[in-house]
């Protein structure tokens, strides 16, 4: 089975499961990089940090995370993950809601001009 994989300027993601009612991604963030500050209208997310250290921003509040940390991202909450460590940060993202397409990303701020 070929898994959907995409390289991004901040790292990469691999889709582990894609179903009608959920999607699961493994996300790798390179040292010193961060995802865009964004929100979704049709899904919520749950993150589990597997490896590395970083900072999560959730509706303007920053929280440090490391292996074993979990983050619940409610629908419409502004959020981002930043890698503040020297190695790769790996987390698993479980999306749940009514739609999981990349076009449900509303970018508020982005380091890569997207």
PDB file of N, CA and C in Angstrom:
ATOM      1  N   UNK A   1       0.836  -1.175   0.000  1.00  0.00           N
ATOM      2  CA  UNK A   1       0.000   0.000   0.000  1.00  0.00           C
ATOM      3  C   UNK A   1       0.888   1.248   0.000  1.00  0.00           C
ATOM      4  N   UNK A   2       0.709   2.122  -0.979  1.00  0.00           N
ATOM      5  CA  UNK A   2       1.446   3.378  -1.040  1.00  0.00           C
ATOM      6  C   UNK A   2       0.742   4.419  -0.185  1.00  0.00           C
ATOM      7  N   UNK A   3       1.488   5.019   0.736  1.00  0.00           N
ATOM      8  CA  UNK A   3       0.934   6.060   1.589  1.00  0.00           C
ATOM      9  C   UNK A   3       1.178   7.419   0.942  1.00  0.00           C
ATOM     10  N   UNK A   4       0.191   8.305   1.049  1.00  0.00           N
ATOM     11  CA  UNK A   4       0.357   9.666   0.546  1.00  0.00           C
ATOM     12  C   UNK A   4       1.431  10.359   1.374  1.00  0.00           C
ATOM     13  N   UNK A   5       2.417  10.955   0.689  1.00  0.00           N
ATOM     14  CA  UNK A   5       3.528  11.642   1.346  1.00  0.00           C
ATOM     15  C   UNK A   5       3.767  12.951   0.608  1.00  0.00           C
ATOM     16  N   UNK A   6       4.061  14.009   1.366  1.00  0.00           N
ATOM     17  CA  UNK A   6       4.325  15.299   0.734  1.00  0.00           C
ATOM     18  C   UNK A   6       5.450  15.999   1.478  1.00  0.00           C
ATOM     19  N   UNK A   7       6.419  16.512   0.717  1.00  0.00           N
ATOM     20  CA  UNK A   7       7.499  17.328   1.275  1.00  0.00           C
ATOM     21  C   UNK A   7       7.042  18.780   1.291  1.00  0.00           C
ATOM     22  N   UNK A   8       7.299  19.475   2.378  1.00  0.00           N
ATOM     23  CA  UNK A   8       6.937  20.876   2.539  1.00  0.00           C
ATOM     24  C   UNK A   8       8.187  21.664   2.937  1.00  0.00           C
ATOM     25  N   UNK A   9       8.151  22.999   2.859  1.00  0.00           N
ATOM     26  CA  UNK A   9       9.343  23.780   3.237  1.00  0.00           C
ATOM     27  C   UNK A   9       9.751  23.587   4.706  1.00  0.00           C
ATOM     28  N   UNK A  10       8.810  23.226   5.556  1.00  0.00           N
ATOM     29  CA  UNK A  10       9.066  23.039   6.993  1.00  0.00           C
ATOM     30  C   UNK A  10       9.385  21.600   7.365  1.00  0.00           C
ATOM     31  N   UNK A  11       9.148  20.642   6.464  1.00  0.00           N
ATOM     32  CA  UNK A  11       9.361  19.225   6.769  1.00  0.00           C
ATOM     33  C   UNK A  11       8.546  18.360   5.829  1.00  0.00           C
ATOM     34  N   UNK A  12       7.750  17.420   6.387  1.00  0.00           N
ATOM     35  CA  UNK A  12       6.957  16.537   5.543  1.00  0.00           C
ATOM     36  C   UNK A  12       5.812  15.935   6.341  1.00  0.00           C
ATOM     37  N   UNK A  13       4.856  15.351   5.588  1.00  0.00           N
ATOM     38  CA  UNK A  13       3.822  14.566   6.244  1.00  0.00           C
ATOM     39  C   UNK A  13       3.531  13.318   5.428  1.00  0.00           C
ATOM     40  N   UNK A  14       3.077  12.285   6.135  1.00  0.00           N
ATOM     41  CA  UNK A  14       2.665  11.036   5.537  1.00  0.00           C
ATOM     42  C   UNK A  14       1.286  10.697   6.080  1.00  0.00           C
ATOM     43  N   UNK A  15       0.336  10.422   5.194  1.00  0.00           N
ATOM     44  CA  UNK A  15      -1.009  10.051   5.617  1.00  0.00           C
ATOM     45  C   UNK A  15      -0.998   8.560   5.968  1.00  0.00           C
ATOM     46  N   UNK A  16      -1.330   8.249   7.216  1.00  0.00           N
ATOM     47  CA  UNK A  16      -1.340   6.864   7.695  1.00  0.00           C
ATOM     48  C   UNK A  16      -2.711   6.222   7.544  1.00  0.00           C
ATOM     49  N   UNK A  17      -3.765   7.033   7.627  1.00  0.00           N
ATOM     50  CA  UNK A  17      -5.136   6.533   7.502  1.00  0.00           C
ATOM     51  C   UNK A  17      -6.003   7.652   6.957  1.00  0.00           C
ATOM     52  N   UNK A  18      -6.874   7.325   6.004  1.00  0.00           N
ATOM     53  CA  UNK A  18      -7.774   8.318   5.403  1.00  0.00           C
ATOM     54  C   UNK A  18      -9.145   7.660   5.253  1.00  0.00           C
ATOM     55  N   UNK A  19     -10.080   8.047   6.110  1.00  0.00           N
ATOM     56  CA  UNK A  19     -11.412   7.450   6.121  1.00  0.00           C
ATOM     57  C   UNK A  19     -12.464   8.556   6.033  1.00  0.00           C
ATOM     58  N   UNK A  20     -13.703   8.174   5.942  1.00  0.00           N
ATOM     59  CA  UNK A  20     -14.796   9.134   5.832  1.00  0.00           C
ATOM     60  C   UNK A  20     -14.867  10.036   7.064  1.00  0.00           C
ATOM     61  N   UNK A  21     -14.605   9.467   8.252  1.00  0.00           N
ATOM     62  CA  UNK A  21     -14.802  10.223   9.486  1.00  0.00           C
ATOM     63  C   UNK A  21     -13.515  10.647  10.193  1.00  0.00           C
ATOM     64  N   UNK A  22     -12.336  10.341   9.614  1.00  0.00           N
ATOM     65  CA  UNK A  22     -11.078  10.776  10.217  1.00  0.00           C
ATOM     66  C   UNK A  22      -9.928  10.642   9.218  1.00  0.00           C
ATOM     67  N   UNK A  23      -8.825  11.333   9.560  1.00  0.00           N
ATOM     68  CA  UNK A  23      -7.574  11.206   8.810  1.00  0.00           C
ATOM     69  C   UNK A  23      -6.449  11.239   9.837  1.00  0.00           C
ATOM     70  N   UNK A  24      -5.421  10.411   9.627  1.00  0.00           N
ATOM     71  CA  UNK A  24      -4.280  10.365  10.539  1.00  0.00           C
ATOM     72  C   UNK A  24      -3.013  10.646   9.730  1.00  0.00           C
ATOM     73  N   UNK A  25      -2.211  11.604  10.224  1.00  0.00           N
ATOM     74  CA  UNK A  25      -0.956  11.964   9.560  1.00  0.00           C
ATOM     75  C   UNK A  25       0.211  11.848  10.527  1.00  0.00           C
ATOM     76  N   UNK A  26       1.352  11.418  10.009  1.00  0.00           N
ATOM     77  CA  UNK A  26       2.623  11.535  10.718  1.00  0.00           C
ATOM     78  C   UNK A  26       3.299  12.775  10.154  1.00  0.00           C
ATOM     79  N   UNK A  27       3.644  13.721  11.020  1.00  0.00           N
ATOM     80  CA  UNK A  27       4.202  14.997  10.577  1.00  0.00           C
ATOM     81  C   UNK A  27       5.599  15.161  11.161  1.00  0.00           C
ATOM     82  N   UNK A  28       6.557  15.512  10.303  1.00  0.00           N
ATOM     83  CA  UNK A  28       7.935  15.764  10.710  1.00  0.00           C
ATOM     84  C   UNK A  28       8.242  17.233  10.450  1.00  0.00           C
ATOM     85  N   UNK A  29       8.741  17.927  11.493  1.00  0.00           N
ATOM     86  CA  UNK A  29       9.102  19.341  11.378  1.00  0.00           C
ATOM     87  C   UNK A  29      10.608  19.450  11.592  1.00  0.00           C
ATOM     88  N   UNK A  30      11.300  20.052  10.614  1.00  0.00           N
ATOM     89  CA  UNK A  30      12.750  20.218  10.694  1.00  0.00           C
ATOM     90  C   UNK A  30      13.127  21.215  11.797  1.00  0.00           C
ATOM     91  N   UNK A  31      14.344  21.082  12.352  1.00  0.00           N
ATOM     92  CA  UNK A  31      14.798  22.012  13.392  1.00  0.00           C
ATOM     93  C   UNK A  31      14.711  23.465  12.921  1.00  0.00           C
ATOM     94  N   UNK A  32      14.185  24.326  13.791  1.00  0.00           N
ATOM     95  CA  UNK A  32      14.083  25.749  13.487  1.00  0.00           C
ATOM     96  C   UNK A  32      12.933  26.124  12.574  1.00  0.00           C
ATOM     97  N   UNK A  33      12.141  25.168  12.140  1.00  0.00           N
ATOM     98  CA  UNK A  33      11.020  25.441  11.228  1.00  0.00           C
ATOM     99  C   UNK A  33       9.698  25.353  11.988  1.00  0.00           C
ATOM    100  N   UNK A  34       8.648  25.909  11.362  1.00  0.00           N
ATOM    101  CA  UNK A  34       7.318  25.836  11.955  1.00  0.00           C
ATOM    102  C   UNK A  34       6.267  25.825  10.854  1.00  0.00           C
ATOM    103  N   UNK A  35       5.146  25.212  11.183  1.00  0.00           N
ATOM    104  CA  UNK A  35       4.024  25.181  10.254  1.00  0.00           C
ATOM    105  C   UNK A  35       3.378  26.561  10.225  1.00  0.00           C
ATOM    106  N   UNK A  36       2.534  26.816   9.241  1.00  0.00           N
ATOM    107  CA  UNK A  36       1.835  28.092   9.197  1.00  0.00           C
ATOM    108  C   UNK A  36       0.865  28.184  10.373  1.00  0.00           C
ATOM    109  N   UNK A  37       0.622  29.413  10.825  1.00  0.00           N
ATOM    110  CA  UNK A  37      -0.394  29.677  11.840  1.00  0.00           C
ATOM    111  C   UNK A  37      -1.711  29.657  11.086  1.00  0.00           C
ATOM    112  N   UNK A  38      -2.600  28.737  11.444  1.00  0.00           N
ATOM    113  CA  UNK A  38      -3.756  28.442  10.602  1.00  0.00           C
ATOM    114  C   UNK A  38      -4.962  28.030  11.422  1.00  0.00           C
ATOM    115  N   UNK A  39      -6.096  27.913  10.754  1.00  0.00           N
ATOM    116  CA  UNK A  39      -7.304  27.364  11.368  1.00  0.00           C
ATOM    117  C   UNK A  39      -8.067  26.555  10.339  1.00  0.00           C
ATOM    118  N   UNK A  40      -8.980  25.718  10.840  1.00  0.00           N
ATOM    119  CA  UNK A  40      -9.825  24.891   9.984  1.00  0.00           C
ATOM    120  C   UNK A  40     -11.273  25.079  10.433  1.00  0.00           C
ATOM    121  N   UNK A  41     -12.179  25.092   9.488  1.00  0.00           N
ATOM    122  CA  UNK A  41     -13.598  25.260   9.800  1.00  0.00           C
ATOM    123  C   UNK A  41     -14.364  23.943   9.822  1.00  0.00           C
ATOM    124  N   UNK A  42     -13.795  22.894   9.216  1.00  0.00           N
ATOM    125  CA  UNK A  42     -14.547  21.642   9.073  1.00  0.00           C
ATOM    126  C   UNK A  42     -13.942  20.476   9.839  1.00  0.00           C
ATOM    127  N   UNK A  43     -12.892  20.732  10.629  1.00  0.00           N
ATOM    128  CA  UNK A  43     -12.281  19.643  11.396  1.00  0.00           C
ATOM    129  C   UNK A  43     -11.602  20.164  12.652  1.00  0.00           C
ATOM    130  N   UNK A  44     -11.478  19.257  13.619  1.00  0.00           N
ATOM    131  CA  UNK A  44     -10.656  19.460  14.812  1.00  0.00           C
ATOM    132  C   UNK A  44      -9.472  18.496  14.697  1.00  0.00           C
ATOM    133  N   UNK A  45      -8.450  18.712  15.527  1.00  0.00           N
ATOM    134  CA  UNK A  45      -7.270  17.857  15.476  1.00  0.00           C
ATOM    135  C   UNK A  45      -6.805  17.503  16.884  1.00  0.00           C
ATOM    136  N   UNK A  46      -6.156  16.352  16.993  1.00  0.00           N
ATOM    137  CA  UNK A  46      -5.498  15.929  18.232  1.00  0.00           C
ATOM    138  C   UNK A  46      -4.068  15.573  17.859  1.00  0.00           C
ATOM    139  N   UNK A  47      -3.098  16.153  18.567  1.00  0.00           N
ATOM    140  CA  UNK A  47      -1.694  15.915  18.268  1.00  0.00           C
ATOM    141  C   UNK A  47      -1.039  15.134  19.404  1.00  0.00           C
ATOM    142  N   UNK A  48      -0.179  14.184  19.051  1.00  0.00           N
ATOM    143  CA  UNK A  48       0.625  13.438  20.013  1.00  0.00           C
ATOM    144  C   UNK A  48       2.082  13.556  19.579  1.00  0.00           C
ATOM    145  N   UNK A  49       2.919  14.159  20.428  1.00  0.00           N
ATOM    146  CA  UNK A  49       4.334  14.329  20.105  1.00  0.00           C
ATOM    147  C   UNK A  49       5.064  13.025  20.402  1.00  0.00           C
ATOM    148  N   UNK A  50       5.742  12.496  19.389  1.00  0.00           N
ATOM    149  CA  UNK A  50       6.472  11.241  19.509  1.00  0.00           C
ATOM    150  C   UNK A  50       7.945  11.499  19.818  1.00  0.00           C
ATOM    151  N   UNK A  51       8.535  12.481  19.115  1.00  0.00           N
ATOM    152  CA  UNK A  51       9.977  12.727  19.221  1.00  0.00           C
ATOM    153  C   UNK A  51      10.241  14.211  19.014  1.00  0.00           C
ATOM    154  N   UNK A  52      11.217  14.745  19.750  1.00  0.00           N
ATOM    155  CA  UNK A  52      11.621  16.132  19.588  1.00  0.00           C
ATOM    156  C   UNK A  52      10.939  17.058  20.582  1.00  0.00           C
ATOM    157  N   UNK A  53      11.310  18.342  20.492  1.00  0.00           N
ATOM    158  CA  UNK A  53      10.722  19.365  21.360  1.00  0.00           C
ATOM    159  C   UNK A  53      10.278  20.541  20.506  1.00  0.00           C
ATOM    160  N   UNK A  54       9.254  21.221  20.998  1.00  0.00           N
ATOM    161  CA  UNK A  54       8.748  22.340  20.228  1.00  0.00           C
ATOM    162  C   UNK A  54       7.842  23.235  21.046  1.00  0.00           C
ATOM    163  N   UNK A  55       7.231  24.158  20.332  1.00  0.00           N
ATOM    164  CA  UNK A  55       6.277  25.086  20.923  1.00  0.00           C
ATOM    165  C   UNK A  55       5.010  25.048  20.094  1.00  0.00           C
ATOM    166  N   UNK A  56       3.889  24.838  20.777  1.00  0.00           N
ATOM    167  CA  UNK A  56       2.581  24.904  20.138  1.00  0.00           C
ATOM    168  C   UNK A  56       1.986  26.269  20.454  1.00  0.00           C
ATOM    169  N   UNK A  57       1.442  26.922  19.439  1.00  0.00           N
ATOM    170  CA  UNK A  57       0.672  28.147  19.636  1.00  0.00           C
ATOM    171  C   UNK A  57      -0.774  27.804  19.346  1.00  0.00           C
ATOM    172  N   UNK A  58      -1.648  28.032  20.336  1.00  0.00           N
ATOM    173  CA  UNK A  58      -3.072  27.732  20.213  1.00  0.00           C
ATOM    174  C   UNK A  58      -3.843  28.972  20.640  1.00  0.00           C
ATOM    175  N   UNK A  59      -4.479  29.636  19.674  1.00  0.00           N
ATOM    176  CA  UNK A  59      -5.198  30.890  19.920  1.00  0.00           C
ATOM    177  C   UNK A  59      -4.334  31.896  20.682  1.00  0.00           C
ATOM    178  N   UNK A  60      -3.068  32.023  20.248  1.00  0.00           N
ATOM    179  CA  UNK A  60      -2.166  33.020  20.804  1.00  0.00           C
ATOM    180  C   UNK A  60      -1.412  32.608  22.052  1.00  0.00           C
ATOM    181  N   UNK A  61      -1.725  31.452  22.630  1.00  0.00           N
ATOM    182  CA  UNK A  61      -1.053  30.970  23.838  1.00  0.00           C
ATOM    183  C   UNK A  61      -0.002  29.936  23.449  1.00  0.00           C
ATOM    184  N   UNK A  62       1.257  30.177  23.858  1.00  0.00           N
ATOM    185  CA  UNK A  62       2.350  29.274  23.537  1.00  0.00           C
ATOM    186  C   UNK A  62       2.578  28.275  24.670  1.00  0.00           C
ATOM    187  N   UNK A  63       2.791  27.004  24.300  1.00  0.00           N
ATOM    188  CA  UNK A  63       3.044  25.932  25.261  1.00  0.00           C
ATOM    189  C   UNK A  63       4.188  25.080  24.747  1.00  0.00           C
ATOM    190  N   UNK A  64       5.142  24.773  25.619  1.00  0.00           N
ATOM    191  CA  UNK A  64       6.244  23.884  25.245  1.00  0.00           C
ATOM    192  C   UNK A  64       5.753  22.445  25.237  1.00  0.00           C
ATOM    193  N   UNK A  65       6.235  21.659  24.259  1.00  0.00           N
ATOM    194  CA  UNK A  65       5.854  20.250  24.152  1.00  0.00           C
ATOM    195  C   UNK A  65       7.100  19.401  23.928  1.00  0.00           C
ATOM    196  N   UNK A  66       6.973  18.133  24.308  1.00  0.00           N
ATOM    197  CA  UNK A  66       8.032  17.155  24.101  1.00  0.00           C
ATOM    198  C   UNK A  66       7.412  15.779  23.959  1.00  0.00           C
ATOM    199  N   UNK A  67       8.225  14.736  23.906  1.00  0.00           N
ATOM    200  CA  UNK A  67       7.696  13.386  23.729  1.00  0.00           C
ATOM    201  C   UNK A  67       6.610  13.057  24.764  1.00  0.00           C
ATOM    202  N   UNK A  68       5.469  12.572  24.285  1.00  0.00           N
ATOM    203  CA  UNK A  68       4.346  12.234  25.151  1.00  0.00           C
ATOM    204  C   UNK A  68       3.339  13.352  25.335  1.00  0.00           C
ATOM    205  N   UNK A  69       3.683  14.562  24.910  1.00  0.00           N
ATOM    206  CA  UNK A  69       2.735  15.684  25.024  1.00  0.00           C
ATOM    207  C   UNK A  69       1.574  15.501  24.055  1.00  0.00           C
ATOM    208  N   UNK A  70       0.403  15.951  24.475  1.00  0.00           N
ATOM    209  CA  UNK A  70      -0.766  15.929  23.606  1.00  0.00           C
ATOM    210  C   UNK A  70      -1.367  17.324  23.545  1.00  0.00           C
ATOM    211  N   UNK A  71      -1.984  17.611  22.405  1.00  0.00           N
ATOM    212  CA  UNK A  71      -2.621  18.909  22.192  1.00  0.00           C
ATOM    213  C   UNK A  71      -3.951  18.675  21.487  1.00  0.00           C
ATOM    214  N   UNK A  72      -5.006  19.247  22.019  1.00  0.00           N
ATOM    215  CA  UNK A  72      -6.299  19.222  21.342  1.00  0.00           C
ATOM    216  C   UNK A  72      -6.501  20.564  20.648  1.00  0.00           C
ATOM    217  N   UNK A  73      -6.757  20.528  19.352  1.00  0.00           N
ATOM    218  CA  UNK A  73      -6.973  21.725  18.547  1.00  0.00           C
ATOM    219  C   UNK A  73      -8.443  21.742  18.143  1.00  0.00           C
ATOM    220  N   UNK A  74      -9.266  22.555  18.818  1.00  0.00           N
ATOM    221  CA  UNK A  74     -10.688  22.606  18.464  1.00  0.00           C
ATOM    222  C   UNK A  74     -10.899  23.196  17.066  1.00  0.00           C
ATOM    223  N   UNK A  75     -12.013  22.867  16.480  1.00  0.00           N
ATOM    224  CA  UNK A  75     -12.403  23.459  15.200  1.00  0.00           C
ATOM    225  C   UNK A  75     -12.368  24.985  15.333  1.00  0.00           C
ATOM    226  N   UNK A  76     -11.824  25.651  14.335  1.00  0.00           N
ATOM    227  CA  UNK A  76     -11.708  27.109  14.219  1.00  0.00           C
ATOM    228  C   UNK A  76     -10.651  27.744  15.117  1.00  0.00           C
ATOM    229  N   UNK A  77      -9.929  26.961  15.925  1.00  0.00           N
ATOM    230  CA  UNK A  77      -8.856  27.522  16.752  1.00  0.00           C
ATOM    231  C   UNK A  77      -7.628  27.795  15.889  1.00  0.00           C
ATOM    232  N   UNK A  78      -6.985  28.939  16.102  1.00  0.00           N
ATOM    233  CA  UNK A  78      -5.733  29.251  15.409  1.00  0.00           C
ATOM    234  C   UNK A  78      -4.620  28.436  16.056  1.00  0.00           C
ATOM    235  N   UNK A  79      -3.790  27.772  15.230  1.00  0.00           N
ATOM    236  CA  UNK A  79      -2.790  26.867  15.782  1.00  0.00           C
ATOM    237  C   UNK A  79      -1.569  26.738  14.884  1.00  0.00           C
ATOM    238  N   UNK A  80      -0.456  26.354  15.522  1.00  0.00           N
ATOM    239  CA  UNK A  80       0.778  26.029  14.794  1.00  0.00           C
ATOM    240  C   UNK A  80       1.692  25.227  15.696  1.00  0.00           C
ATOM    241  N   UNK A  81       2.581  24.470  15.059  1.00  0.00           N
ATOM    242  CA  UNK A  81       3.634  23.725  15.758  1.00  0.00           C
ATOM    243  C   UNK A  81       4.968  24.248  15.253  1.00  0.00           C
ATOM    244  N   UNK A  82       5.892  24.523  16.188  1.00  0.00           N
ATOM    245  CA  UNK A  82       7.240  24.973  15.844  1.00  0.00           C
ATOM    246  C   UNK A  82       8.246  24.020  16.477  1.00  0.00           C
ATOM    247  N   UNK A  83       9.293  23.681  15.727  1.00  0.00           N
ATOM    248  CA  UNK A  83      10.364  22.843  16.255  1.00  0.00           C
ATOM    249  C   UNK A  83      11.425  23.757  16.860  1.00  0.00           C
ATOM    250  N   UNK A  84      11.606  23.677  18.177  1.00  0.00           N
ATOM    251  CA  UNK A  84      12.587  24.515  18.870  1.00  0.00           C
ATOM    252  C   UNK A  84      13.841  23.728  19.236  1.00  0.00           C
ATOM    253  N   UNK A  85      13.905  22.454  18.839  1.00  0.00           N
ATOM    254  CA  UNK A  85      15.041  21.611  19.192  1.00  0.00           C
ATOM    255  C   UNK A  85      16.086  21.528  18.095  1.00  0.00           C
ATOM    256  N   UNK A  86      17.078  20.663  18.326  1.00  0.00           N
ATOM    257  CA  UNK A  86      18.171  20.491  17.358  1.00  0.00           C
ATOM    258  C   UNK A  86      17.935  19.305  16.425  1.00  0.00           C
ATOM    259  N   UNK A  87      16.998  18.423  16.792  1.00  0.00           N
ATOM    260  CA  UNK A  87      16.655  17.280  15.946  1.00  0.00           C
ATOM    261  C   UNK A  87      15.253  17.438  15.393  1.00  0.00           C
ATOM    262  N   UNK A  88      14.843  16.478  14.580  1.00  0.00           N
ATOM    263  CA  UNK A  88      13.498  16.541  14.008  1.00  0.00           C
ATOM    264  C   UNK A  88      12.433  16.371  15.086  1.00  0.00           C
ATOM    265  N   UNK A  89      11.317  17.064  14.907  1.00  0.00           N
ATOM    266  CA  UNK A  89      10.145  16.902  15.767  1.00  0.00           C
ATOM    267  C   UNK A  89       9.141  16.069  14.983  1.00  0.00           C
ATOM    268  N   UNK A  90       8.668  14.978  15.579  1.00  0.00           N
ATOM    269  CA  UNK A  90       7.705  14.107  14.921  1.00  0.00           C
ATOM    270  C   UNK A  90       6.451  14.048  15.786  1.00  0.00           C
ATOM    271  N   UNK A  91       5.295  14.325  15.165  1.00  0.00           N
ATOM    272  CA  UNK A  91       4.039  14.156  15.887  1.00  0.00           C
ATOM    273  C   UNK A  91       3.006  13.502  14.995  1.00  0.00           C
ATOM    274  N   UNK A  92       2.035  12.861  15.641  1.00  0.00           N
ATOM    275  CA  UNK A  92       0.933  12.216  14.941  1.00  0.00           C
ATOM    276  C   UNK A  92      -0.290  13.101  15.121  1.00  0.00           C
ATOM    277  N   UNK A  93      -0.955  13.377  14.011  1.00  0.00           N
ATOM    278  CA  UNK A  93      -2.139  14.236  14.003  1.00  0.00           C
ATOM    279  C   UNK A  93      -3.356  13.401  13.625  1.00  0.00           C
ATOM    280  N   UNK A  94      -4.357  13.399  14.487  1.00  0.00           N
ATOM    281  CA  UNK A  94      -5.630  12.743  14.188  1.00  0.00           C
ATOM    282  C   UNK A  94      -6.649  13.835  13.918  1.00  0.00           C
ATOM    283  N   UNK A  95      -7.159  13.864  12.698  1.00  0.00           N
ATOM    284  CA  UNK A  95      -8.179  14.836  12.308  1.00  0.00           C
ATOM    285  C   UNK A  95      -9.546  14.175  12.412  1.00  0.00           C
ATOM    286  N   UNK A  96     -10.513  14.902  12.981  1.00  0.00           N
ATOM    287  CA  UNK A  96     -11.882  14.379  13.004  1.00  0.00           C
ATOM    288  C   UNK A  96     -12.832  15.527  12.709  1.00  0.00           C
ATOM    289  N   UNK A  97     -13.872  15.220  11.953  1.00  0.00           N
ATOM    290  CA  UNK A  97     -14.818  16.238  11.537  1.00  0.00           C
ATOM    291  C   UNK A  97     -15.544  15.800  10.290  1.00  0.00           C
ATOM    292  N   UNK A  98     -15.906  16.777   9.461  1.00  0.00           N
ATOM    293  CA  UNK A  98     -16.715  16.467   8.284  1.00  0.00           C
ATOM    294  C   UNK A  98     -15.947  16.523   6.970  1.00  0.00           C
ATOM    295  N   UNK A  99     -14.706  17.115   6.987  1.00  0.00           N
ATOM    296  CA  UNK A  99     -13.949  17.280   5.747  1.00  0.00           C
ATOM    297  C   UNK A  99     -12.483  17.450   6.101  1.00  0.00           C
ATOM    298  N   UNK A 100     -11.581  16.817   5.310  1.00  0.00           N
ATOM    299  CA  UNK A 100     -10.167  16.798   5.661  1.00  0.00           C
ATOM    300  C   UNK A 100      -9.251  17.308   4.554  1.00  0.00           C
ATOM    301  N   UNK A 101      -9.806  17.982   3.558  1.00  0.00           N
ATOM    302  CA  UNK A 101      -9.010  18.466   2.438  1.00  0.00           C
ATOM    303  C   UNK A 101      -8.074  19.593   2.832  1.00  0.00           C
ATOM    304  N   UNK A 102      -6.967  19.711   2.085  1.00  0.00           N
ATOM    305  CA  UNK A 102      -5.996  20.779   2.330  1.00  0.00           C
ATOM    306  C   UNK A 102      -6.592  22.168   2.071  1.00  0.00           C
ATOM    307  N   UNK A 103      -7.699  22.238   1.321  1.00  0.00           N
ATOM    308  CA  UNK A 103      -8.309  23.542   1.053  1.00  0.00           C
ATOM    309  C   UNK A 103      -9.157  24.036   2.228  1.00  0.00           C
ATOM    310  N   UNK A 104      -9.184  23.317   3.350  1.00  0.00           N
ATOM    311  CA  UNK A 104      -9.816  23.807   4.578  1.00  0.00           C
ATOM    312  C   UNK A 104      -8.773  24.444   5.497  1.00  0.00           C
ATOM    313  N   UNK A 105      -7.622  24.795   4.942  1.00  0.00           N
ATOM    314  CA  UNK A 105      -6.588  25.500   5.702  1.00  0.00           C
ATOM    315  C   UNK A 105      -6.733  26.992   5.415  1.00  0.00           C
ATOM    316  N   UNK A 106      -6.960  27.772   6.476  1.00  0.00           N
ATOM    317  CA  UNK A 106      -6.979  29.227   6.378  1.00  0.00           C
ATOM    318  C   UNK A 106      -5.708  29.707   7.048  1.00  0.00           C
ATOM    319  N   UNK A 107      -4.732  30.173   6.255  1.00  0.00           N
ATOM    320  CA  UNK A 107      -3.444  30.609   6.817  1.00  0.00           C
ATOM    321  C   UNK A 107      -3.559  32.039   7.344  1.00  0.00           C
ATOM    322  N   UNK A 108      -3.134  32.211   8.591  1.00  0.00           N
ATOM    323  CA  UNK A 108      -3.123  33.526   9.239  1.00  0.00           C
ATOM    324  C   UNK A 108      -1.750  34.160   9.086  1.00  0.00           C
ATOM    325  N   UNK A 109      -0.701  33.318   9.209  1.00  0.00           N
ATOM    326  CA  UNK A 109       0.677  33.762   9.074  1.00  0.00           C
ATOM    327  C   UNK A 109       1.483  32.580   8.555  1.00  0.00           C
ATOM    328  N   UNK A 110       2.427  32.858   7.651  1.00  0.00           N
ATOM    329  CA  UNK A 110       3.196  31.767   7.064  1.00  0.00           C
ATOM    330  C   UNK A 110       4.614  32.244   6.758  1.00  0.00           C
ATOM    331  N   UNK A 111       5.601  31.463   7.206  1.00  0.00           N
ATOM    332  CA  UNK A 111       7.010  31.817   6.987  1.00  0.00           C
ATOM    333  C   UNK A 111       7.440  31.653   5.534  1.00  0.00           C
ATOM    334  N   UNK A 112       6.630  30.986   4.723  1.00  0.00           N
ATOM    335  CA  UNK A 112       7.041  30.636   3.357  1.00  0.00           C
ATOM    336  C   UNK A 112       6.190  31.317   2.284  1.00  0.00           C
ATOM    337  N   UNK A 113       5.440  32.343   2.664  1.00  0.00           N
ATOM    338  CA  UNK A 113       4.692  33.143   1.691  1.00  0.00           C
ATOM    339  C   UNK A 113       3.554  32.432   1.002  1.00  0.00           C
ATOM    340  N   UNK A 114       2.981  31.418   1.656  1.00  0.00           N
ATOM    341  CA  UNK A 114       1.868  30.698   1.047  1.00  0.00           C
ATOM    342  C   UNK A 114       0.555  31.364   1.416  1.00  0.00           C
TER     343      UNK A 114
END
